[in-house]
């Protein structure tokens, strides 16, 4: 999850725990850190500890590198643009939804207002993506710095 809100990340983690389904959850605070995670740079180089994501939740409105820039970065990196990417935003503005899909988002969800709604949403996402065929992680489980 790429989101500048520690509180939202905590709620998503609690919703995953309440779901009773197996999960791995990793949270980074902004797009720059998210790209470092995907590239396996710095503290994220240990892929035993920081598993390569099979689904990415990304907020839009973040300081520094926002969610739009993350979507653009993913599109420029063929090994990583195939990661199912869900925009998870407080915004329901049509312009935000449209731009997110144009930039390659696979889904756009407005953040629910209650833990119960969030848990239902997370369970639905988890069920859906666990049934989908997804590509293998890129070589070395890292997004390369240069497009291939």
N, C-alpha and C. Protein backbone atom coordinates (compact mmCIF):
# COMPACT_ATOMS: atom_id res chain seq x y z
N UNK A 1 0.85 -1.17 0.00
CA UNK A 1 0.00 0.00 0.00
C UNK A 1 0.89 1.23 0.00
N UNK A 2 0.60 2.13 -0.93
CA UNK A 2 1.30 3.42 -0.99
C UNK A 2 0.29 4.47 -0.57
N UNK A 3 0.48 5.03 0.61
CA UNK A 3 -0.48 6.00 1.16
C UNK A 3 0.19 6.80 2.25
N UNK A 4 0.04 8.11 2.20
CA UNK A 4 0.68 8.96 3.20
C UNK A 4 -0.04 8.94 4.55
N UNK A 5 -1.17 8.29 4.63
CA UNK A 5 -1.92 8.23 5.89
C UNK A 5 -1.61 6.94 6.65
N UNK A 6 -0.92 7.10 7.77
CA UNK A 6 -0.66 5.95 8.65
C UNK A 6 -1.97 5.36 9.15
N UNK A 7 -2.94 6.25 9.40
CA UNK A 7 -4.24 5.81 9.91
C UNK A 7 -4.97 4.94 8.88
N UNK A 8 -4.98 5.36 7.62
CA UNK A 8 -5.63 4.55 6.59
C UNK A 8 -4.94 3.20 6.45
N UNK A 9 -3.62 3.20 6.49
CA UNK A 9 -2.88 1.93 6.39
C UNK A 9 -3.21 1.01 7.56
N UNK A 10 -3.31 1.59 8.76
CA UNK A 10 -3.67 0.79 9.93
C UNK A 10 -5.07 0.18 9.77
N UNK A 11 -6.01 0.98 9.24
CA UNK A 11 -7.36 0.47 9.02
C UNK A 11 -7.38 -0.65 7.98
N UNK A 12 -6.59 -0.52 6.92
CA UNK A 12 -6.53 -1.58 5.92
C UNK A 12 -5.93 -2.84 6.53
N UNK A 13 -4.88 -2.67 7.32
CA UNK A 13 -4.27 -3.83 7.98
C UNK A 13 -5.27 -4.51 8.92
N UNK A 14 -6.02 -3.72 9.69
CA UNK A 14 -7.03 -4.30 10.59
C UNK A 14 -8.11 -5.01 9.80
N UNK A 15 -8.52 -4.42 8.67
CA UNK A 15 -9.54 -5.06 7.83
C UNK A 15 -9.03 -6.39 7.30
N UNK A 16 -7.77 -6.44 6.89
CA UNK A 16 -7.18 -7.70 6.44
C UNK A 16 -7.17 -8.73 7.56
N UNK A 17 -6.79 -8.30 8.75
CA UNK A 17 -6.77 -9.21 9.89
C UNK A 17 -8.17 -9.73 10.20
N UNK A 18 -9.17 -8.83 10.15
CA UNK A 18 -10.55 -9.24 10.43
C UNK A 18 -11.11 -10.18 9.37
N UNK A 19 -10.55 -10.10 8.16
CA UNK A 19 -11.06 -10.93 7.07
C UNK A 19 -10.80 -12.41 7.31
N UNK A 20 -9.77 -12.72 8.10
CA UNK A 20 -9.43 -14.11 8.36
C UNK A 20 -8.71 -14.78 7.19
N UNK A 21 -8.46 -14.02 6.14
CA UNK A 21 -7.78 -14.57 4.97
C UNK A 21 -6.28 -14.35 5.11
N UNK A 22 -5.47 -15.23 4.52
CA UNK A 22 -4.02 -15.04 4.59
C UNK A 22 -3.61 -13.81 3.78
N UNK A 23 -2.64 -13.08 4.28
CA UNK A 23 -2.20 -11.88 3.58
C UNK A 23 -0.80 -11.51 4.01
N UNK A 24 -0.16 -10.76 3.18
CA UNK A 24 1.07 -10.06 3.52
C UNK A 24 0.77 -8.59 3.27
N UNK A 25 1.12 -7.75 4.18
CA UNK A 25 0.79 -6.33 4.04
C UNK A 25 2.02 -5.50 4.28
N UNK A 26 2.31 -4.63 3.34
CA UNK A 26 3.44 -3.71 3.46
C UNK A 26 2.94 -2.32 3.11
N UNK A 27 3.38 -1.34 3.86
CA UNK A 27 2.92 0.03 3.68
C UNK A 27 4.11 0.97 3.54
N UNK A 28 4.05 1.83 2.55
CA UNK A 28 5.02 2.90 2.39
C UNK A 28 4.27 4.23 2.33
N UNK A 29 4.95 5.31 2.67
CA UNK A 29 4.28 6.59 2.89
C UNK A 29 4.13 7.50 1.67
N UNK A 30 4.85 7.23 0.60
CA UNK A 30 4.71 8.09 -0.58
C UNK A 30 5.20 7.36 -1.82
N UNK A 31 5.01 8.03 -2.96
CA UNK A 31 5.38 7.41 -4.22
C UNK A 31 6.86 7.12 -4.36
N UNK A 32 7.69 8.00 -3.85
CA UNK A 32 9.14 7.77 -3.95
C UNK A 32 9.53 6.51 -3.20
N UNK A 33 9.00 6.35 -2.00
CA UNK A 33 9.29 5.14 -1.21
C UNK A 33 8.67 3.91 -1.89
N UNK A 34 7.50 4.08 -2.50
CA UNK A 34 6.86 2.98 -3.21
C UNK A 34 7.70 2.49 -4.37
N UNK A 35 8.30 3.42 -5.11
CA UNK A 35 9.17 3.04 -6.23
C UNK A 35 10.42 2.33 -5.69
N UNK A 36 10.97 2.82 -4.60
CA UNK A 36 12.13 2.15 -3.98
C UNK A 36 11.77 0.72 -3.60
N UNK A 37 10.59 0.54 -3.03
CA UNK A 37 10.12 -0.79 -2.67
C UNK A 37 10.05 -1.68 -3.91
N UNK A 38 9.42 -1.18 -4.97
CA UNK A 38 9.27 -1.97 -6.20
C UNK A 38 10.62 -2.31 -6.82
N UNK A 39 11.57 -1.39 -6.73
CA UNK A 39 12.89 -1.62 -7.28
C UNK A 39 13.77 -2.47 -6.37
N UNK A 40 13.35 -2.67 -5.13
CA UNK A 40 14.16 -3.42 -4.18
C UNK A 40 15.41 -2.66 -3.77
N UNK A 41 15.30 -1.35 -3.67
CA UNK A 41 16.44 -0.53 -3.27
C UNK A 41 16.51 -0.35 -1.76
N UNK A 42 17.72 -0.11 -1.27
CA UNK A 42 17.92 0.23 0.14
C UNK A 42 17.36 -0.82 1.07
N UNK A 43 16.58 -0.37 2.03
CA UNK A 43 16.02 -1.27 3.04
C UNK A 43 15.10 -2.33 2.44
N UNK A 44 14.62 -2.12 1.20
CA UNK A 44 13.70 -3.07 0.57
C UNK A 44 14.41 -4.13 -0.28
N UNK A 45 15.73 -4.21 -0.17
CA UNK A 45 16.48 -5.17 -0.99
C UNK A 45 16.27 -6.62 -0.53
N UNK A 46 15.87 -6.82 0.70
CA UNK A 46 15.65 -8.17 1.22
C UNK A 46 14.24 -8.64 0.84
N UNK A 47 14.14 -9.41 -0.25
CA UNK A 47 12.83 -9.85 -0.73
C UNK A 47 12.25 -10.99 0.12
N UNK A 48 13.01 -11.53 1.04
CA UNK A 48 12.45 -12.47 2.00
C UNK A 48 11.60 -11.70 3.02
N UNK A 49 12.04 -10.50 3.35
CA UNK A 49 11.34 -9.65 4.32
C UNK A 49 10.30 -8.76 3.63
N UNK A 50 10.66 -8.20 2.48
CA UNK A 50 9.79 -7.28 1.75
C UNK A 50 9.41 -7.95 0.42
N UNK A 51 8.39 -8.79 0.48
CA UNK A 51 7.97 -9.56 -0.68
C UNK A 51 7.51 -8.65 -1.82
N UNK A 52 7.76 -9.10 -3.04
CA UNK A 52 7.29 -8.34 -4.20
C UNK A 52 5.77 -8.38 -4.21
N UNK A 53 5.11 -7.24 -4.43
CA UNK A 53 3.65 -7.21 -4.33
C UNK A 53 2.96 -7.92 -5.49
N UNK A 54 1.85 -8.58 -5.17
CA UNK A 54 1.03 -9.15 -6.23
C UNK A 54 -0.19 -8.28 -6.50
N UNK A 55 -0.46 -7.31 -5.62
CA UNK A 55 -1.49 -6.29 -5.80
C UNK A 55 -0.98 -5.03 -5.11
N UNK A 56 -1.29 -3.89 -5.73
CA UNK A 56 -0.83 -2.61 -5.20
C UNK A 56 -2.03 -1.70 -4.95
N UNK A 57 -2.17 -1.23 -3.71
CA UNK A 57 -3.15 -0.19 -3.38
C UNK A 57 -2.41 1.13 -3.35
N UNK A 58 -2.92 2.13 -4.06
CA UNK A 58 -2.20 3.39 -4.15
C UNK A 58 -3.15 4.57 -3.98
N UNK A 59 -2.84 5.43 -3.03
CA UNK A 59 -3.57 6.68 -2.85
C UNK A 59 -3.16 7.63 -3.97
N UNK A 60 -3.97 8.64 -4.23
CA UNK A 60 -3.62 9.64 -5.24
C UNK A 60 -2.94 10.85 -4.65
N UNK A 61 -3.55 11.42 -3.64
CA UNK A 61 -3.12 12.72 -3.12
C UNK A 61 -2.09 12.51 -2.00
N UNK A 62 -0.82 12.59 -2.40
CA UNK A 62 0.28 12.44 -1.45
C UNK A 62 1.30 13.53 -1.74
N UNK A 63 1.99 13.99 -0.71
CA UNK A 63 3.06 14.97 -0.95
C UNK A 63 4.21 14.31 -1.71
N UNK A 64 5.00 15.13 -2.37
CA UNK A 64 6.12 14.59 -3.13
C UNK A 64 5.61 13.92 -4.39
N UNK A 65 5.85 12.66 -4.52
CA UNK A 65 5.40 11.89 -5.69
C UNK A 65 4.00 11.35 -5.42
N UNK A 66 3.01 11.86 -6.15
CA UNK A 66 1.64 11.44 -5.91
C UNK A 66 1.30 10.15 -6.65
N UNK A 67 0.08 9.69 -6.47
CA UNK A 67 -0.35 8.44 -7.08
C UNK A 67 -0.36 8.48 -8.59
N UNK A 68 -0.65 9.63 -9.20
CA UNK A 68 -0.59 9.74 -10.65
C UNK A 68 0.82 9.47 -11.16
N UNK A 69 1.81 10.02 -10.47
CA UNK A 69 3.20 9.81 -10.87
C UNK A 69 3.59 8.35 -10.72
N UNK A 70 3.08 7.68 -9.69
CA UNK A 70 3.35 6.25 -9.51
C UNK A 70 2.76 5.48 -10.69
N UNK A 71 1.52 5.79 -11.07
CA UNK A 71 0.89 5.12 -12.21
C UNK A 71 1.70 5.35 -13.49
N UNK A 72 2.17 6.57 -13.70
CA UNK A 72 2.99 6.86 -14.87
C UNK A 72 4.30 6.07 -14.84
N UNK A 73 4.92 6.00 -13.67
CA UNK A 73 6.17 5.24 -13.53
C UNK A 73 5.93 3.77 -13.86
N UNK A 74 4.86 3.22 -13.32
CA UNK A 74 4.55 1.82 -13.60
C UNK A 74 4.38 1.58 -15.10
N UNK A 75 3.69 2.47 -15.78
CA UNK A 75 3.47 2.30 -17.21
C UNK A 75 4.76 2.35 -18.01
N UNK A 76 5.76 3.04 -17.50
CA UNK A 76 7.05 3.16 -18.18
C UNK A 76 7.97 1.97 -17.91
N UNK A 77 7.55 1.05 -17.05
CA UNK A 77 8.37 -0.10 -16.67
C UNK A 77 7.58 -1.38 -16.92
N UNK A 78 7.79 -1.99 -18.10
CA UNK A 78 6.98 -3.13 -18.52
C UNK A 78 6.88 -4.28 -17.52
N UNK A 79 7.95 -4.56 -16.78
CA UNK A 79 7.88 -5.65 -15.80
C UNK A 79 6.95 -5.32 -14.65
N UNK A 80 6.71 -4.05 -14.41
CA UNK A 80 5.92 -3.65 -13.25
C UNK A 80 4.53 -3.15 -13.59
N UNK A 81 4.32 -2.75 -14.84
CA UNK A 81 2.99 -2.23 -15.17
C UNK A 81 1.93 -3.32 -15.15
N UNK A 82 2.35 -4.58 -15.05
CA UNK A 82 1.39 -5.68 -14.98
C UNK A 82 0.92 -5.97 -13.56
N UNK A 83 1.49 -5.31 -12.56
CA UNK A 83 1.03 -5.51 -11.18
C UNK A 83 -0.39 -4.95 -11.09
N UNK A 84 -1.37 -5.75 -10.67
CA UNK A 84 -2.71 -5.20 -10.49
C UNK A 84 -2.66 -4.01 -9.53
N UNK A 85 -3.06 -2.85 -10.04
CA UNK A 85 -2.94 -1.61 -9.29
C UNK A 85 -4.32 -1.01 -9.06
N UNK A 86 -4.65 -0.83 -7.81
CA UNK A 86 -5.94 -0.30 -7.40
C UNK A 86 -5.73 1.07 -6.78
N UNK A 87 -6.33 2.08 -7.39
CA UNK A 87 -6.30 3.40 -6.76
C UNK A 87 -7.30 3.35 -5.62
N UNK A 88 -6.84 3.77 -4.46
CA UNK A 88 -7.62 3.71 -3.22
C UNK A 88 -7.59 5.12 -2.64
N UNK A 89 -8.61 5.91 -2.97
CA UNK A 89 -8.56 7.34 -2.70
C UNK A 89 -9.81 7.83 -1.97
N UNK A 90 -9.66 8.93 -1.29
CA UNK A 90 -10.80 9.58 -0.66
C UNK A 90 -11.62 10.36 -1.69
N UNK A 91 -11.04 10.61 -2.84
CA UNK A 91 -11.69 11.40 -3.88
C UNK A 91 -12.61 10.54 -4.72
N UNK A 92 -13.79 11.08 -5.00
CA UNK A 92 -14.71 10.43 -5.93
C UNK A 92 -14.92 11.31 -7.15
N UNK A 93 -14.03 12.28 -7.36
CA UNK A 93 -14.16 13.19 -8.49
C UNK A 93 -13.98 12.44 -9.81
N UNK A 94 -14.86 12.68 -10.75
CA UNK A 94 -14.80 12.01 -12.05
C UNK A 94 -13.46 12.24 -12.73
N UNK A 95 -12.90 13.44 -12.59
CA UNK A 95 -11.60 13.73 -13.22
C UNK A 95 -10.50 12.84 -12.65
N UNK A 96 -10.53 12.59 -11.35
CA UNK A 96 -9.53 11.70 -10.72
C UNK A 96 -9.70 10.27 -11.19
N UNK A 97 -10.95 9.83 -11.26
CA UNK A 97 -11.25 8.46 -11.71
C UNK A 97 -10.77 8.29 -13.15
N UNK A 98 -11.15 9.20 -14.01
CA UNK A 98 -10.79 9.12 -15.43
C UNK A 98 -9.28 9.12 -15.62
N UNK A 99 -8.60 10.07 -15.00
CA UNK A 99 -7.15 10.17 -15.16
C UNK A 99 -6.45 8.90 -14.66
N UNK A 100 -6.94 8.34 -13.56
CA UNK A 100 -6.34 7.11 -13.01
C UNK A 100 -6.43 5.95 -13.99
N UNK A 101 -7.60 5.79 -14.60
CA UNK A 101 -7.74 4.71 -15.58
C UNK A 101 -6.90 4.97 -16.83
N UNK A 102 -6.86 6.21 -17.29
CA UNK A 102 -6.03 6.55 -18.44
C UNK A 102 -4.57 6.19 -18.17
N UNK A 103 -4.12 6.39 -16.93
CA UNK A 103 -2.73 6.12 -16.55
C UNK A 103 -2.48 4.65 -16.19
N UNK A 104 -3.49 3.80 -16.35
CA UNK A 104 -3.24 2.36 -16.19
C UNK A 104 -3.78 1.69 -14.94
N UNK A 105 -4.54 2.41 -14.12
CA UNK A 105 -5.12 1.75 -12.94
C UNK A 105 -6.04 0.62 -13.39
N UNK A 106 -6.04 -0.47 -12.62
CA UNK A 106 -6.92 -1.59 -12.90
C UNK A 106 -8.27 -1.45 -12.21
N UNK A 107 -8.32 -0.63 -11.17
CA UNK A 107 -9.56 -0.38 -10.45
C UNK A 107 -9.41 0.93 -9.70
N UNK A 108 -10.53 1.53 -9.37
CA UNK A 108 -10.54 2.77 -8.60
C UNK A 108 -11.61 2.62 -7.53
N UNK A 109 -11.19 2.70 -6.29
CA UNK A 109 -12.12 2.58 -5.17
C UNK A 109 -12.04 3.80 -4.28
N UNK A 110 -13.21 4.31 -3.92
CA UNK A 110 -13.25 5.37 -2.92
C UNK A 110 -13.11 4.70 -1.55
N UNK A 111 -12.28 5.28 -0.69
CA UNK A 111 -12.06 4.71 0.63
C UNK A 111 -13.37 4.70 1.41
N UNK A 112 -13.74 3.54 1.94
CA UNK A 112 -14.96 3.46 2.75
C UNK A 112 -14.82 4.27 4.05
N UNK A 113 -15.97 4.62 4.63
CA UNK A 113 -15.99 5.46 5.83
C UNK A 113 -15.94 4.69 7.14
N UNK A 114 -16.25 3.39 7.10
CA UNK A 114 -16.27 2.62 8.34
C UNK A 114 -15.37 1.39 8.21
N UNK A 115 -14.94 0.87 9.35
CA UNK A 115 -14.10 -0.33 9.35
C UNK A 115 -14.88 -1.51 8.77
N UNK A 116 -16.18 -1.59 9.06
CA UNK A 116 -17.01 -2.67 8.52
C UNK A 116 -17.03 -2.62 6.98
N UNK A 117 -17.27 -1.43 6.42
CA UNK A 117 -17.29 -1.29 4.96
C UNK A 117 -15.91 -1.58 4.38
N UNK A 118 -14.88 -1.11 5.06
CA UNK A 118 -13.51 -1.34 4.59
C UNK A 118 -13.20 -2.83 4.58
N UNK A 119 -13.59 -3.52 5.64
CA UNK A 119 -13.35 -4.96 5.72
C UNK A 119 -14.06 -5.68 4.58
N UNK A 120 -15.31 -5.32 4.31
CA UNK A 120 -16.05 -5.94 3.20
C UNK A 120 -15.35 -5.67 1.87
N UNK A 121 -14.87 -4.45 1.68
CA UNK A 121 -14.17 -4.10 0.44
C UNK A 121 -12.88 -4.89 0.30
N UNK A 122 -12.10 -4.96 1.38
CA UNK A 122 -10.81 -5.67 1.34
C UNK A 122 -11.04 -7.16 1.10
N UNK A 123 -12.03 -7.74 1.74
CA UNK A 123 -12.33 -9.16 1.53
C UNK A 123 -12.73 -9.40 0.07
N UNK A 124 -13.56 -8.52 -0.48
CA UNK A 124 -13.97 -8.66 -1.88
C UNK A 124 -12.75 -8.56 -2.80
N UNK A 125 -11.88 -7.59 -2.55
CA UNK A 125 -10.66 -7.45 -3.35
C UNK A 125 -9.79 -8.69 -3.26
N UNK A 126 -9.62 -9.15 -2.03
CA UNK A 126 -8.76 -10.32 -1.81
C UNK A 126 -9.32 -11.55 -2.52
N UNK A 127 -10.63 -11.75 -2.42
CA UNK A 127 -11.25 -12.89 -3.11
C UNK A 127 -11.08 -12.76 -4.62
N UNK A 128 -11.35 -11.58 -5.14
CA UNK A 128 -11.26 -11.37 -6.58
C UNK A 128 -9.84 -11.61 -7.08
N UNK A 129 -8.85 -10.93 -6.49
CA UNK A 129 -7.49 -11.03 -7.01
C UNK A 129 -6.86 -12.39 -6.73
N UNK A 130 -7.32 -13.11 -5.71
CA UNK A 130 -6.78 -14.44 -5.47
C UNK A 130 -7.25 -15.44 -6.51
N UNK A 131 -8.34 -15.13 -7.20
CA UNK A 131 -8.85 -16.00 -8.25
C UNK A 131 -8.30 -15.64 -9.63
N UNK A 132 -7.69 -14.48 -9.74
CA UNK A 132 -7.17 -14.02 -11.03
C UNK A 132 -5.78 -14.61 -11.29
N UNK A 133 -5.53 -14.87 -12.54
CA UNK A 133 -4.19 -15.24 -12.96
C UNK A 133 -3.39 -13.95 -13.07
N UNK A 134 -2.25 -13.91 -12.45
CA UNK A 134 -1.40 -12.72 -12.54
C UNK A 134 -0.01 -13.17 -12.99
N UNK A 135 0.72 -12.29 -13.68
CA UNK A 135 2.04 -12.67 -14.16
C UNK A 135 3.01 -12.90 -13.02
N UNK A 136 4.05 -13.66 -13.33
CA UNK A 136 5.11 -13.88 -12.35
C UNK A 136 5.81 -12.56 -12.06
N UNK A 137 6.43 -12.44 -10.89
CA UNK A 137 7.21 -11.24 -10.59
C UNK A 137 8.33 -11.08 -11.62
N UNK A 138 8.81 -9.86 -11.79
CA UNK A 138 9.91 -9.64 -12.73
C UNK A 138 11.17 -10.36 -12.26
N UNK A 139 12.14 -10.53 -13.15
CA UNK A 139 13.40 -11.18 -12.77
C UNK A 139 14.01 -10.51 -11.53
N UNK A 140 14.41 -11.31 -10.58
CA UNK A 140 14.98 -10.77 -9.35
C UNK A 140 13.96 -10.11 -8.44
N UNK A 141 12.67 -10.22 -8.81
CA UNK A 141 11.59 -9.62 -8.05
C UNK A 141 11.85 -8.14 -7.78
N UNK A 142 12.32 -7.45 -8.82
CA UNK A 142 12.59 -6.02 -8.74
C UNK A 142 12.16 -5.38 -10.04
N UNK A 143 11.63 -4.17 -9.94
CA UNK A 143 11.33 -3.38 -11.13
C UNK A 143 12.63 -2.70 -11.53
N UNK A 144 13.07 -2.96 -12.75
CA UNK A 144 14.32 -2.38 -13.20
C UNK A 144 14.19 -0.88 -13.36
N UNK A 145 15.31 -0.17 -13.19
CA UNK A 145 15.30 1.28 -13.27
C UNK A 145 15.01 1.78 -14.67
N UNK A 146 15.49 1.07 -15.65
CA UNK A 146 15.27 1.48 -17.04
C UNK A 146 14.23 0.58 -17.67
N UNK A 147 13.35 1.16 -18.50
CA UNK A 147 12.38 0.31 -19.21
C UNK A 147 13.10 -0.71 -20.07
N UNK A 148 12.48 -1.89 -20.19
CA UNK A 148 13.07 -2.95 -21.03
C UNK A 148 12.28 -3.11 -22.30
